[in-house]
Amino acid sequence: MAVSRVDETLTAVTTSLVDPDNSTEPMFLVQFLLEKKKETWVRVRGRSVAMRMDDNRQAPADPTSSIFQIPRQVVEHPDSCCLFIAHMISSFNLCASLSNELASNIADFSDNLVRTGCFGFFVLAHVKMVEETVHVVEPLFDPDQNVAVSTGASRKVLKRLKKETFCMNQEQSNGDSSSGGACVVCLEDFSSSVKLTKLPCSHVFHKKCIFRWLRNSKSCPVCRTQVE
Protein backbone atom coordinates (compact mmCIF):
# COMPACT_ATOMS: atom_id res chain seq x y z
CA MET A 1 0.00 0.00 0.00
CA ALA A 2 1.55 3.33 -1.06
CA VAL A 3 0.79 5.58 1.90
CA SER A 4 0.32 9.25 1.03
CA ARG A 5 -0.79 10.54 4.43
CA VAL A 6 -0.87 9.40 8.04
CA ASP A 7 -3.44 10.99 10.36
CA GLU A 8 -2.89 10.39 14.07
CA THR A 9 -5.24 11.20 16.96
CA LEU A 10 -4.23 10.67 20.61
CA THR A 11 -6.96 10.75 23.23
CA ALA A 12 -6.81 10.25 27.00
CA VAL A 13 -9.93 8.16 27.57
CA THR A 14 -9.33 8.27 31.35
CA THR A 15 -6.58 9.57 33.64
CA SER A 16 -7.64 7.69 36.77
CA LEU A 17 -7.26 4.04 35.81
CA VAL A 18 -6.61 1.59 38.66
CA ASP A 19 -5.42 -2.00 38.69
CA PRO A 20 -8.54 -4.20 39.11
CA ASP A 21 -6.49 -6.59 41.28
CA ASN A 22 -5.12 -3.83 43.49
CA SER A 23 -7.12 -0.62 43.73
CA THR A 24 -4.15 1.22 45.25
CA GLU A 25 -2.00 0.71 42.16
CA PRO A 26 -2.38 2.65 38.89
CA MET A 27 -2.70 0.96 35.50
CA PHE A 28 -1.41 2.30 32.21
CA LEU A 29 -3.15 1.03 29.07
CA VAL A 30 -2.77 1.97 25.41
CA GLN A 31 -5.12 0.97 22.60
CA PHE A 32 -3.49 1.18 19.18
CA LEU A 33 -6.18 1.40 16.48
CA LEU A 34 -4.99 1.25 12.86
CA GLU A 35 -7.33 2.10 9.98
CA LYS A 36 -6.33 1.94 6.31
CA LYS A 37 -8.27 4.05 3.82
CA LYS A 38 -8.19 4.81 0.10
CA GLU A 39 -9.07 8.18 -1.38
CA THR A 40 -9.48 9.10 -5.04
CA TRP A 41 -8.87 12.66 -6.23
CA VAL A 42 -9.32 14.32 -9.63
CA ARG A 43 -7.20 17.31 -10.60
CA VAL A 44 -7.40 19.40 -13.76
CA ARG A 45 -4.01 19.71 -15.43
CA GLY A 46 -2.40 23.07 -14.69
CA ARG A 47 -4.31 23.61 -11.45
CA SER A 48 -3.18 22.83 -7.91
CA VAL A 49 -6.65 22.23 -6.43
CA ALA A 50 -7.97 18.66 -6.58
CA MET A 51 -11.50 17.36 -6.03
CA ARG A 52 -12.08 14.35 -3.81
CA MET A 53 -14.10 11.59 -5.48
CA ASP A 54 -14.88 9.01 -2.76
CA ASP A 55 -16.91 5.97 -3.69
CA ASN A 56 -19.43 5.61 -0.86
CA ARG A 57 -20.50 2.25 -2.23
CA GLN A 58 -17.16 0.74 -1.20
CA ALA A 59 -17.21 -0.51 2.38
CA PRO A 60 -14.21 0.70 4.41
CA ALA A 61 -11.72 -1.90 5.58
CA ASP A 62 -12.16 -3.10 9.16
CA PRO A 63 -9.64 -1.38 11.46
CA THR A 64 -7.16 -3.51 13.40
CA SER A 65 -6.63 -2.90 17.08
CA SER A 66 -4.45 -3.98 19.98
CA ILE A 67 -4.58 -3.12 23.70
CA PHE A 68 -1.46 -3.45 25.81
CA GLN A 69 -0.39 -2.47 29.31
CA ILE A 70 2.73 -0.43 30.00
CA PRO A 71 4.53 -1.35 33.23
CA ARG A 72 4.73 1.44 35.76
CA GLN A 73 8.54 1.43 35.85
CA VAL A 74 8.57 1.84 32.04
CA VAL A 75 6.09 4.74 32.03
CA GLU A 76 8.35 6.70 34.36
CA HIS A 77 11.18 6.66 31.77
CA PRO A 78 10.16 8.21 28.42
CA ASP A 79 12.98 6.61 26.40
CA SER A 80 12.19 3.14 27.70
CA CYS A 81 8.48 3.82 27.19
CA CYS A 82 9.10 4.71 23.53
CA LEU A 83 11.06 1.49 22.93
CA PHE A 84 8.38 -0.56 24.69
CA ILE A 85 5.56 0.94 22.61
CA ALA A 86 7.53 0.48 19.38
CA HIS A 87 7.92 -3.20 20.23
CA MET A 88 4.22 -3.59 21.04
CA ILE A 89 3.07 -2.08 17.73
CA SER A 90 5.63 -3.98 15.64
CA SER A 91 2.97 -6.62 14.87
CA PHE A 92 1.19 -4.08 12.62
CA ASN A 93 4.03 -4.39 10.05
CA LEU A 94 4.66 -0.66 9.80
CA CYS A 95 7.87 0.68 8.33
CA ALA A 96 10.57 1.36 10.93
CA SER A 97 10.50 5.15 10.58
CA LEU A 98 6.71 5.37 10.93
CA SER A 99 6.66 2.90 13.82
CA ASN A 100 9.31 4.87 15.70
CA GLU A 101 7.57 8.18 15.05
CA LEU A 102 4.21 6.88 16.30
CA ALA A 103 5.81 5.27 19.35
CA SER A 104 7.61 8.51 20.19
CA ASN A 105 4.40 10.53 19.90
CA ILE A 106 2.46 8.12 22.11
CA ALA A 107 5.30 8.06 24.68
CA ASP A 108 5.45 11.88 24.79
CA PHE A 109 1.67 12.08 25.16
CA SER A 110 1.77 9.53 27.99
CA ASP A 111 4.66 11.35 29.71
CA ASN A 112 2.69 14.62 29.67
CA LEU A 113 -0.23 12.84 31.34
CA VAL A 114 2.05 11.51 34.06
CA ARG A 115 3.61 14.93 34.61
CA THR A 116 0.17 16.49 35.11
CA GLY A 117 -0.38 14.10 38.03
CA CYS A 118 -2.72 11.48 36.59
CA PHE A 119 -3.04 8.31 38.68
CA GLY A 120 -3.30 5.95 35.73
CA PHE A 121 -4.35 6.35 32.10
CA PHE A 122 -6.04 4.72 29.16
CA VAL A 123 -4.75 6.26 25.93
CA LEU A 124 -6.40 5.68 22.56
CA ALA A 125 -4.05 6.09 19.59
CA HIS A 126 -6.16 6.18 16.42
CA VAL A 127 -3.97 6.07 13.30
CA LYS A 128 -5.35 6.42 9.78
CA MET A 129 -3.09 5.44 6.89
CA VAL A 130 -4.47 6.99 3.71
CA GLU A 131 -3.56 5.90 0.19
CA GLU A 132 -4.32 8.72 -2.24
CA THR A 133 -4.78 8.21 -5.99
CA VAL A 134 -4.82 11.38 -8.08
CA HIS A 135 -6.18 11.34 -11.64
CA VAL A 136 -5.08 14.27 -13.79
CA VAL A 137 -7.56 15.26 -16.50
CA GLU A 138 -7.31 17.74 -19.32
CA PRO A 139 -9.19 21.04 -18.93
CA LEU A 140 -12.39 21.50 -20.91
CA PHE A 141 -12.09 25.26 -20.70
CA ASP A 142 -9.03 27.52 -20.69
CA PRO A 143 -9.77 30.49 -18.36
CA ASP A 144 -6.70 32.39 -19.59
CA GLN A 145 -7.78 32.31 -23.24
CA ASN A 146 -11.52 32.33 -22.45
CA VAL A 147 -12.08 29.52 -24.96
CA ALA A 148 -13.09 25.90 -24.80
CA VAL A 149 -10.27 23.36 -24.94
CA SER A 150 -10.79 20.37 -27.18
CA THR A 151 -9.77 17.00 -25.74
CA GLY A 152 -10.93 14.97 -28.72
CA ALA A 153 -9.42 13.95 -32.03
CA SER A 154 -8.66 16.60 -34.63
CA ARG A 155 -10.87 17.24 -37.65
CA LYS A 156 -8.14 15.84 -39.90
CA VAL A 157 -8.18 12.51 -38.07
CA LEU A 158 -11.98 12.33 -38.00
CA LYS A 159 -12.07 12.99 -41.73
CA ARG A 160 -9.57 10.20 -42.37
CA LEU A 161 -11.48 7.75 -40.18
CA LYS A 162 -14.67 8.37 -42.13
CA LYS A 163 -13.04 6.52 -45.01
CA GLU A 164 -12.85 3.43 -42.75
CA THR A 165 -16.63 3.07 -42.77
CA PHE A 166 -18.04 -0.30 -43.84
CA CYS A 167 -20.92 -2.70 -43.15
CA MET A 168 -20.71 -5.94 -41.24
CA ASN A 169 -21.31 -8.16 -44.28
CA GLN A 170 -18.40 -6.51 -46.07
CA GLU A 171 -16.09 -7.09 -43.14
CA GLN A 172 -17.14 -10.69 -42.76
CA SER A 173 -16.62 -11.35 -46.42
CA ASN A 174 -13.01 -10.24 -46.06
CA GLY A 175 -12.55 -12.74 -43.25
CA ASP A 176 -11.71 -10.09 -40.64
CA SER A 177 -12.79 -11.20 -37.17
CA SER A 178 -11.42 -8.18 -35.27
CA SER A 179 -14.83 -6.54 -35.07
CA GLY A 180 -16.11 -8.84 -32.34
CA GLY A 181 -19.83 -9.15 -31.69
CA ALA A 182 -20.83 -5.85 -30.11
CA CYS A 183 -19.92 -2.17 -29.92
CA VAL A 184 -18.26 -1.46 -26.57
CA VAL A 185 -19.53 2.13 -26.58
CA CYS A 186 -23.26 1.37 -26.69
CA LEU A 187 -22.99 -2.38 -25.89
CA GLU A 188 -25.36 -3.25 -28.74
CA ASP A 189 -24.67 -6.08 -31.18
CA PHE A 190 -23.41 -5.31 -34.65
CA SER A 191 -25.80 -5.78 -37.56
CA SER A 192 -25.44 -5.65 -41.35
CA SER A 193 -27.71 -2.61 -41.54
CA VAL A 194 -25.55 -0.33 -39.38
CA LYS A 195 -22.34 1.30 -40.59
CA LEU A 196 -19.16 0.50 -38.70
CA THR A 197 -15.79 2.21 -38.34
CA LYS A 198 -12.41 0.61 -37.72
CA LEU A 199 -9.71 2.46 -35.76
CA PRO A 200 -5.98 2.08 -36.55
CA CYS A 201 -5.74 -0.43 -33.69
CA SER A 202 -8.25 -2.64 -35.61
CA HIS A 203 -11.05 -2.33 -33.04
CA VAL A 204 -14.47 -1.81 -34.65
CA PHE A 205 -17.42 0.28 -33.44
CA HIS A 206 -20.70 1.69 -34.65
CA LYS A 207 -19.86 4.74 -36.73
CA LYS A 208 -22.10 7.11 -34.77
CA CYS A 209 -20.83 5.75 -31.45
CA ILE A 210 -17.11 6.03 -32.11
CA PHE A 211 -17.32 9.49 -33.67
CA ARG A 212 -19.25 10.73 -30.66
CA TRP A 213 -16.53 9.19 -28.47
CA LEU A 214 -13.66 10.69 -30.48
CA ARG A 215 -15.04 14.19 -30.17
CA ASN A 216 -14.10 13.98 -26.47
CA SER A 217 -11.20 11.53 -26.48
CA LYS A 218 -8.19 10.79 -28.70
CA SER A 219 -7.87 7.14 -27.65
CA CYS A 220 -9.60 3.86 -28.43
CA PRO A 221 -12.18 2.99 -25.74
CA VAL A 222 -10.94 -0.61 -25.69
CA CYS A 223 -7.12 -0.50 -25.72
CA ARG A 224 -6.54 3.26 -25.17
CA THR A 225 -4.31 3.49 -28.25
CA GLN A 226 -4.07 7.08 -29.47
CA VAL A 227 -5.66 7.71 -32.84
CA GLU A 228 -3.22 10.57 -33.51
C-alpha atoms as a PDB file:
ATOM      1  CA  MET A   1       0.000   0.000   0.000  1.00  0.00           C
ATOM      2  CA  ALA A   2       1.555   3.331  -1.059  1.00  0.00           C
ATOM      3  CA  VAL A   3       0.786   5.582   1.896  1.00  0.00           C
ATOM      4  CA  SER A   4       0.317   9.246   1.031  1.00  0.00           C
ATOM      5  CA  ARG A   5      -0.791  10.537   4.427  1.00  0.00           C
ATOM      6  CA  VAL A   6      -0.869   9.396   8.038  1.00  0.00           C
ATOM      7  CA  ASP A   7      -3.440  10.989  10.360  1.00  0.00           C
ATOM      8  CA  GLU A   8      -2.890  10.394  14.072  1.00  0.00           C
ATOM      9  CA  THR A   9      -5.241  11.204  16.958  1.00  0.00           C
ATOM     10  CA  LEU A  10      -4.231  10.667  20.607  1.00  0.00           C
ATOM     11  CA  THR A  11      -6.955  10.752  23.231  1.00  0.00           C
ATOM     12  CA  ALA A  12      -6.811  10.254  27.005  1.00  0.00           C
ATOM     13  CA  VAL A  13      -9.927   8.158  27.573  1.00  0.00           C
ATOM     14  CA  THR A  14      -9.329   8.269  31.354  1.00  0.00           C
ATOM     15  CA  THR A  15      -6.576   9.574  33.644  1.00  0.00           C
ATOM     16  CA  SER A  16      -7.640   7.692  36.771  1.00  0.00           C
ATOM     17  CA  LEU A  17      -7.265   4.038  35.810  1.00  0.00           C
ATOM     18  CA  VAL A  18      -6.612   1.589  38.662  1.00  0.00           C
ATOM     19  CA  ASP A  19      -5.422  -2.002  38.693  1.00  0.00           C
ATOM     20  CA  PRO A  20      -8.540  -4.201  39.106  1.00  0.00           C
ATOM     21  CA  ASP A  21      -6.490  -6.590  41.280  1.00  0.00           C
ATOM     22  CA  ASN A  22      -5.116  -3.834  43.487  1.00  0.00           C
ATOM     23  CA  SER A  23      -7.115  -0.621  43.732  1.00  0.00           C
ATOM     24  CA  THR A  24      -4.153   1.221  45.252  1.00  0.00           C
ATOM     25  CA  GLU A  25      -1.996   0.714  42.162  1.00  0.00           C
ATOM     26  CA  PRO A  26      -2.376   2.654  38.895  1.00  0.00           C
ATOM     27  CA  MET A  27      -2.702   0.956  35.505  1.00  0.00           C
ATOM     28  CA  PHE A  28      -1.415   2.300  32.212  1.00  0.00           C
ATOM     29  CA  LEU A  29      -3.150   1.035  29.067  1.00  0.00           C
ATOM     30  CA  VAL A  30      -2.767   1.975  25.415  1.00  0.00           C
ATOM     31  CA  GLN A  31      -5.115   0.966  22.604  1.00  0.00           C
ATOM     32  CA  PHE A  32      -3.494   1.184  19.183  1.00  0.00           C
ATOM     33  CA  LEU A  33      -6.179   1.401  16.476  1.00  0.00           C
ATOM     34  CA  LEU A  34      -4.986   1.251  12.863  1.00  0.00           C
ATOM     35  CA  GLU A  35      -7.329   2.099   9.979  1.00  0.00           C
ATOM     36  CA  LYS A  36      -6.333   1.939   6.308  1.00  0.00           C
ATOM     37  CA  LYS A  37      -8.266   4.049   3.818  1.00  0.00           C
ATOM     38  CA  LYS A  38      -8.188   4.815   0.104  1.00  0.00           C
ATOM     39  CA  GLU A  39      -9.070   8.181  -1.384  1.00  0.00           C
ATOM     40  CA  THR A  40      -9.481   9.103  -5.041  1.00  0.00           C
ATOM     41  CA  TRP A  41      -8.867  12.656  -6.235  1.00  0.00           C
ATOM     42  CA  VAL A  42      -9.316  14.315  -9.629  1.00  0.00           C
ATOM     43  CA  ARG A  43      -7.198  17.312 -10.605  1.00  0.00           C
ATOM     44  CA  VAL A  44      -7.398  19.398 -13.759  1.00  0.00           C
ATOM     45  CA  ARG A  45      -4.011  19.713 -15.432  1.00  0.00           C
ATOM     46  CA  GLY A  46      -2.396  23.072 -14.692  1.00  0.00           C
ATOM     47  CA  ARG A  47      -4.308  23.607 -11.447  1.00  0.00           C
ATOM     48  CA  SER A  48      -3.181  22.833  -7.910  1.00  0.00           C
ATOM     49  CA  VAL A  49      -6.649  22.234  -6.426  1.00  0.00           C
ATOM     50  CA  ALA A  50      -7.972  18.663  -6.584  1.00  0.00           C
ATOM     51  CA  MET A  51     -11.503  17.362  -6.029  1.00  0.00           C
ATOM     52  CA  ARG A  52     -12.082  14.349  -3.808  1.00  0.00           C
ATOM     53  CA  MET A  53     -14.098  11.592  -5.476  1.00  0.00           C
ATOM     54  CA  ASP A  54     -14.878   9.013  -2.765  1.00  0.00           C
ATOM     55  CA  ASP A  55     -16.914   5.971  -3.691  1.00  0.00           C
ATOM     56  CA  ASN A  56     -19.425   5.610  -0.860  1.00  0.00           C
ATOM     57  CA  ARG A  57     -20.496   2.248  -2.228  1.00  0.00           C
ATOM     58  CA  GLN A  58     -17.165   0.741  -1.201  1.00  0.00           C
ATOM     59  CA  ALA A  59     -17.213  -0.505   2.376  1.00  0.00           C
ATOM     60  CA  PRO A  60     -14.209   0.700   4.405  1.00  0.00           C
ATOM     61  CA  ALA A  61     -11.722  -1.899   5.579  1.00  0.00           C
ATOM     62  CA  ASP A  62     -12.161  -3.100   9.164  1.00  0.00           C
ATOM     63  CA  PRO A  63      -9.636  -1.384  11.460  1.00  0.00           C
ATOM     64  CA  THR A  64      -7.159  -3.509  13.396  1.00  0.00           C
ATOM     65  CA  SER A  65      -6.628  -2.896  17.077  1.00  0.00           C
ATOM     66  CA  SER A  66      -4.450  -3.981  19.979  1.00  0.00           C
ATOM     67  CA  ILE A  67      -4.576  -3.122  23.695  1.00  0.00           C
ATOM     68  CA  PHE A  68      -1.464  -3.446  25.815  1.00  0.00           C
ATOM     69  CA  GLN A  69      -0.391  -2.470  29.306  1.00  0.00           C
ATOM     70  CA  ILE A  70       2.727  -0.431  29.997  1.00  0.00           C
ATOM     71  CA  PRO A  71       4.535  -1.354  33.227  1.00  0.00           C
ATOM     72  CA  ARG A  72       4.731   1.445  35.765  1.00  0.00           C
ATOM     73  CA  GLN A  73       8.535   1.428  35.845  1.00  0.00           C
ATOM     74  CA  VAL A  74       8.572   1.844  32.042  1.00  0.00           C
ATOM     75  CA  VAL A  75       6.093   4.735  32.031  1.00  0.00           C
ATOM     76  CA  GLU A  76       8.350   6.698  34.361  1.00  0.00           C
ATOM     77  CA  HIS A  77      11.183   6.656  31.774  1.00  0.00           C
ATOM     78  CA  PRO A  78      10.164   8.214  28.420  1.00  0.00           C
ATOM     79  CA  ASP A  79      12.979   6.615  26.397  1.00  0.00           C
ATOM     80  CA  SER A  80      12.188   3.139  27.702  1.00  0.00           C
ATOM     81  CA  CYS A  81       8.479   3.817  27.190  1.00  0.00           C
ATOM     82  CA  CYS A  82       9.101   4.713  23.533  1.00  0.00           C
ATOM     83  CA  LEU A  83      11.061   1.490  22.928  1.00  0.00           C
ATOM     84  CA  PHE A  84       8.383  -0.556  24.694  1.00  0.00           C
ATOM     85  CA  ILE A  85       5.556   0.939  22.609  1.00  0.00           C
ATOM     86  CA  ALA A  86       7.528   0.480  19.380  1.00  0.00           C
ATOM     87  CA  HIS A  87       7.925  -3.195  20.230  1.00  0.00           C
ATOM     88  CA  MET A  88       4.218  -3.587  21.044  1.00  0.00           C
ATOM     89  CA  ILE A  89       3.067  -2.082  17.726  1.00  0.00           C
ATOM     90  CA  SER A  90       5.634  -3.977  15.640  1.00  0.00           C
ATOM     91  CA  SER A  91       2.970  -6.616  14.868  1.00  0.00           C
ATOM     92  CA  PHE A  92       1.195  -4.080  12.622  1.00  0.00           C
ATOM     93  CA  ASN A  93       4.027  -4.390  10.053  1.00  0.00           C
ATOM     94  CA  LEU A  94       4.663  -0.658   9.804  1.00  0.00           C
ATOM     95  CA  CYS A  95       7.872   0.681   8.326  1.00  0.00           C
ATOM     96  CA  ALA A  96      10.566   1.363  10.925  1.00  0.00           C
ATOM     97  CA  SER A  97      10.497   5.148  10.585  1.00  0.00           C
ATOM     98  CA  LEU A  98       6.709   5.366  10.930  1.00  0.00           C
ATOM     99  CA  SER A  99       6.655   2.897  13.817  1.00  0.00           C
ATOM    100  CA  ASN A 100       9.312   4.871  15.704  1.00  0.00           C
ATOM    101  CA  GLU A 101       7.566   8.185  15.048  1.00  0.00           C
ATOM    102  CA  LEU A 102       4.205   6.885  16.297  1.00  0.00           C
ATOM    103  CA  ALA A 103       5.813   5.270  19.354  1.00  0.00           C
ATOM    104  CA  SER A 104       7.611   8.508  20.187  1.00  0.00           C
ATOM    105  CA  ASN A 105       4.402  10.535  19.898  1.00  0.00           C
ATOM    106  CA  ILE A 106       2.461   8.121  22.113  1.00  0.00           C
ATOM    107  CA  ALA A 107       5.300   8.058  24.677  1.00  0.00           C
ATOM    108  CA  ASP A 108       5.450  11.881  24.790  1.00  0.00           C
ATOM    109  CA  PHE A 109       1.672  12.076  25.156  1.00  0.00           C
ATOM    110  CA  SER A 110       1.773   9.534  27.990  1.00  0.00           C
ATOM    111  CA  ASP A 111       4.656  11.346  29.705  1.00  0.00           C
ATOM    112  CA  ASN A 112       2.689  14.616  29.670  1.00  0.00           C
ATOM    113  CA  LEU A 113      -0.228  12.840  31.345  1.00  0.00           C
ATOM    114  CA  VAL A 114       2.046  11.508  34.065  1.00  0.00           C
ATOM    115  CA  ARG A 115       3.608  14.935  34.608  1.00  0.00           C
ATOM    116  CA  THR A 116       0.175  16.494  35.105  1.00  0.00           C
ATOM    117  CA  GLY A 117      -0.376  14.102  38.035  1.00  0.00           C
ATOM    118  CA  CYS A 118      -2.722  11.485  36.592  1.00  0.00           C
ATOM    119  CA  PHE A 119      -3.045   8.314  38.677  1.00  0.00           C
ATOM    120  CA  GLY A 120      -3.302   5.950  35.727  1.00  0.00           C
ATOM    121  CA  PHE A 121      -4.345   6.345  32.103  1.00  0.00           C
ATOM    122  CA  PHE A 122      -6.039   4.722  29.163  1.00  0.00           C
ATOM    123  CA  VAL A 123      -4.750   6.256  25.934  1.00  0.00           C
ATOM    124  CA  LEU A 124      -6.398   5.678  22.558  1.00  0.00           C
ATOM    125  CA  ALA A 125      -4.050   6.088  19.593  1.00  0.00           C
ATOM    126  CA  HIS A 126      -6.157   6.184  16.416  1.00  0.00           C
ATOM    127  CA  VAL A 127      -3.968   6.072  13.305  1.00  0.00           C
ATOM    128  CA  LYS A 128      -5.347   6.417   9.778  1.00  0.00           C
ATOM    129  CA  MET A 129      -3.087   5.439   6.885  1.00  0.00           C
ATOM    130  CA  VAL A 130      -4.466   6.993   3.706  1.00  0.00           C
ATOM    131  CA  GLU A 131      -3.563   5.905   0.191  1.00  0.00           C
ATOM    132  CA  GLU A 132      -4.322   8.716  -2.242  1.00  0.00           C
ATOM    133  CA  THR A 133      -4.782   8.207  -5.992  1.00  0.00           C
ATOM    134  CA  VAL A 134      -4.817  11.378  -8.081  1.00  0.00           C
ATOM    135  CA  HIS A 135      -6.176  11.337 -11.641  1.00  0.00           C
ATOM    136  CA  VAL A 136      -5.076  14.270 -13.790  1.00  0.00           C
ATOM    137  CA  VAL A 137      -7.563  15.257 -16.498  1.00  0.00           C
ATOM    138  CA  GLU A 138      -7.306  17.739 -19.324  1.00  0.00           C
ATOM    139  CA  PRO A 139      -9.188  21.040 -18.932  1.00  0.00           C
ATOM    140  CA  LEU A 140     -12.391  21.503 -20.909  1.00  0.00           C
ATOM    141  CA  PHE A 141     -12.088  25.263 -20.696  1.00  0.00           C
ATOM    142  CA  ASP A 142      -9.028  27.525 -20.693  1.00  0.00           C
ATOM    143  CA  PRO A 143      -9.775  30.489 -18.363  1.00  0.00           C
ATOM    144  CA  ASP A 144      -6.703  32.387 -19.589  1.00  0.00           C
ATOM    145  CA  GLN A 145      -7.778  32.306 -23.242  1.00  0.00           C
ATOM    146  CA  ASN A 146     -11.518  32.328 -22.453  1.00  0.00           C
ATOM    147  CA  VAL A 147     -12.080  29.522 -24.958  1.00  0.00           C
ATOM    148  CA  ALA A 148     -13.094  25.897 -24.799  1.00  0.00           C
ATOM    149  CA  VAL A 149     -10.273  23.361 -24.937  1.00  0.00           C
ATOM    150  CA  SER A 150     -10.787  20.368 -27.177  1.00  0.00           C
ATOM    151  CA  THR A 151      -9.772  17.002 -25.738  1.00  0.00           C
ATOM    152  CA  GLY A 152     -10.925  14.968 -28.715  1.00  0.00           C
ATOM    153  CA  ALA A 153      -9.423  13.949 -32.031  1.00  0.00           C
ATOM    154  CA  SER A 154      -8.656  16.601 -34.628  1.00  0.00           C
ATOM    155  CA  ARG A 155     -10.868  17.239 -37.653  1.00  0.00           C
ATOM    156  CA  LYS A 156      -8.141  15.835 -39.896  1.00  0.00           C
ATOM    157  CA  VAL A 157      -8.179  12.510 -38.066  1.00  0.00           C
ATOM    158  CA  LEU A 158     -11.981  12.334 -38.004  1.00  0.00           C
ATOM    159  CA  LYS A 159     -12.067  12.985 -41.733  1.00  0.00           C
ATOM    160  CA  ARG A 160      -9.566  10.204 -42.368  1.00  0.00           C
ATOM    161  CA  LEU A 161     -11.476   7.747 -40.183  1.00  0.00           C
ATOM    162  CA  LYS A 162     -14.672   8.374 -42.134  1.00  0.00           C
ATOM    163  CA  LYS A 163     -13.035   6.517 -45.006  1.00  0.00           C
ATOM    164  CA  GLU A 164     -12.849   3.432 -42.753  1.00  0.00           C
ATOM    165  CA  THR A 165     -16.632   3.074 -42.767  1.00  0.00           C
ATOM    166  CA  PHE A 166     -18.037  -0.304 -43.839  1.00  0.00           C
ATOM    167  CA  CYS A 167     -20.916  -2.703 -43.153  1.00  0.00           C
ATOM    168  CA  MET A 168     -20.706  -5.936 -41.238  1.00  0.00           C
ATOM    169  CA  ASN A 169     -21.310  -8.165 -44.285  1.00  0.00           C
ATOM    170  CA  GLN A 170     -18.400  -6.507 -46.075  1.00  0.00           C
ATOM    171  CA  GLU A 171     -16.089  -7.088 -43.142  1.00  0.00           C
ATOM    172  CA  GLN A 172     -17.136 -10.693 -42.758  1.00  0.00           C
ATOM    173  CA  SER A 173     -16.624 -11.348 -46.424  1.00  0.00           C
ATOM    174  CA  ASN A 174     -13.012 -10.244 -46.058  1.00  0.00           C
ATOM    175  CA  GLY A 175     -12.545 -12.737 -43.254  1.00  0.00           C
ATOM    176  CA  ASP A 176     -11.711 -10.094 -40.642  1.00  0.00           C
ATOM    177  CA  SER A 177     -12.791 -11.200 -37.169  1.00  0.00           C
ATOM    178  CA  SER A 178     -11.424  -8.178 -35.269  1.00  0.00           C
ATOM    179  CA  SER A 179     -14.826  -6.539 -35.068  1.00  0.00           C
ATOM    180  CA  GLY A 180     -16.115  -8.838 -32.336  1.00  0.00           C
ATOM    181  CA  GLY A 181     -19.833  -9.149 -31.689  1.00  0.00           C
ATOM    182  CA  ALA A 182     -20.833  -5.845 -30.111  1.00  0.00           C
ATOM    183  CA  CYS A 183     -19.917  -2.168 -29.919  1.00  0.00           C
ATOM    184  CA  VAL A 184     -18.258  -1.462 -26.566  1.00  0.00           C
ATOM    185  CA  VAL A 185     -19.530   2.125 -26.585  1.00  0.00           C
ATOM    186  CA  CYS A 186     -23.263   1.373 -26.688  1.00  0.00           C
ATOM    187  CA  LEU A 187     -22.994  -2.379 -25.894  1.00  0.00           C
ATOM    188  CA  GLU A 188     -25.361  -3.251 -28.740  1.00  0.00           C
ATOM    189  CA  ASP A 189     -24.675  -6.077 -31.183  1.00  0.00           C
ATOM    190  CA  PHE A 190     -23.410  -5.307 -34.649  1.00  0.00           C
ATOM    191  CA  SER A 191     -25.798  -5.784 -37.564  1.00  0.00           C
ATOM    192  CA  SER A 192     -25.439  -5.648 -41.347  1.00  0.00           C
ATOM    193  CA  SER A 193     -27.708  -2.606 -41.539  1.00  0.00           C
ATOM    194  CA  VAL A 194     -25.551  -0.333 -39.380  1.00  0.00           C
ATOM    195  CA  LYS A 195     -22.343   1.302 -40.593  1.00  0.00           C
ATOM    196  CA  LEU A 196     -19.160   0.501 -38.702  1.00  0.00           C
ATOM    197  CA  THR A 197     -15.789   2.209 -38.339  1.00  0.00           C
ATOM    198  CA  LYS A 198     -12.408   0.608 -37.716  1.00  0.00           C
ATOM    199  CA  LEU A 199      -9.711   2.464 -35.757  1.00  0.00           C
ATOM    200  CA  PRO A 200      -5.979   2.084 -36.551  1.00  0.00           C
ATOM    201  CA  CYS A 201      -5.737  -0.428 -33.688  1.00  0.00           C
ATOM    202  CA  SER A 202      -8.253  -2.640 -35.605  1.00  0.00           C
ATOM    203  CA  HIS A 203     -11.054  -2.328 -33.039  1.00  0.00           C
ATOM    204  CA  VAL A 204     -14.470  -1.805 -34.650  1.00  0.00           C
ATOM    205  CA  PHE A 205     -17.422   0.285 -33.438  1.00  0.00           C
ATOM    206  CA  HIS A 206     -20.703   1.687 -34.645  1.00  0.00           C
ATOM    207  CA  LYS A 207     -19.862   4.740 -36.733  1.00  0.00           C
ATOM    208  CA  LYS A 208     -22.097   7.111 -34.773  1.00  0.00           C
ATOM    209  CA  CYS A 209     -20.827   5.750 -31.454  1.00  0.00           C
ATOM    210  CA  ILE A 210     -17.112   6.030 -32.114  1.00  0.00           C
ATOM    211  CA  PHE A 211     -17.318   9.487 -33.674  1.00  0.00           C
ATOM    212  CA  ARG A 212     -19.251  10.731 -30.660  1.00  0.00           C
ATOM    213  CA  TRP A 213     -16.534   9.188 -28.474  1.00  0.00           C
ATOM    214  CA  LEU A 214     -13.658  10.688 -30.479  1.00  0.00           C
ATOM    215  CA  ARG A 215     -15.037  14.189 -30.170  1.00  0.00           C
ATOM    216  CA  ASN A 216     -14.105  13.975 -26.472  1.00  0.00           C
ATOM    217  CA  SER A 217     -11.201  11.531 -26.482  1.00  0.00           C
ATOM    218  CA  LYS A 218      -8.194  10.793 -28.697  1.00  0.00           C
ATOM    219  CA  SER A 219      -7.871   7.138 -27.653  1.00  0.00           C
ATOM    220  CA  CYS A 220      -9.600   3.857 -28.433  1.00  0.00           C
ATOM    221  CA  PRO A 221     -12.182   2.989 -25.743  1.00  0.00           C
ATOM    222  CA  VAL A 222     -10.937  -0.607 -25.692  1.00  0.00           C
ATOM    223  CA  CYS A 223      -7.124  -0.499 -25.717  1.00  0.00           C
ATOM    224  CA  ARG A 224      -6.536   3.265 -25.172  1.00  0.00           C
ATOM    225  CA  THR A 225      -4.309   3.492 -28.245  1.00  0.00           C
ATOM    226  CA  GLN A 226      -4.066   7.083 -29.466  1.00  0.00           C
ATOM    227  CA  VAL A 227      -5.659   7.713 -32.845  1.00  0.00           C
ATOM    228  CA  GLU A 228      -3.225  10.573 -33.515  1.00  0.00           C
END
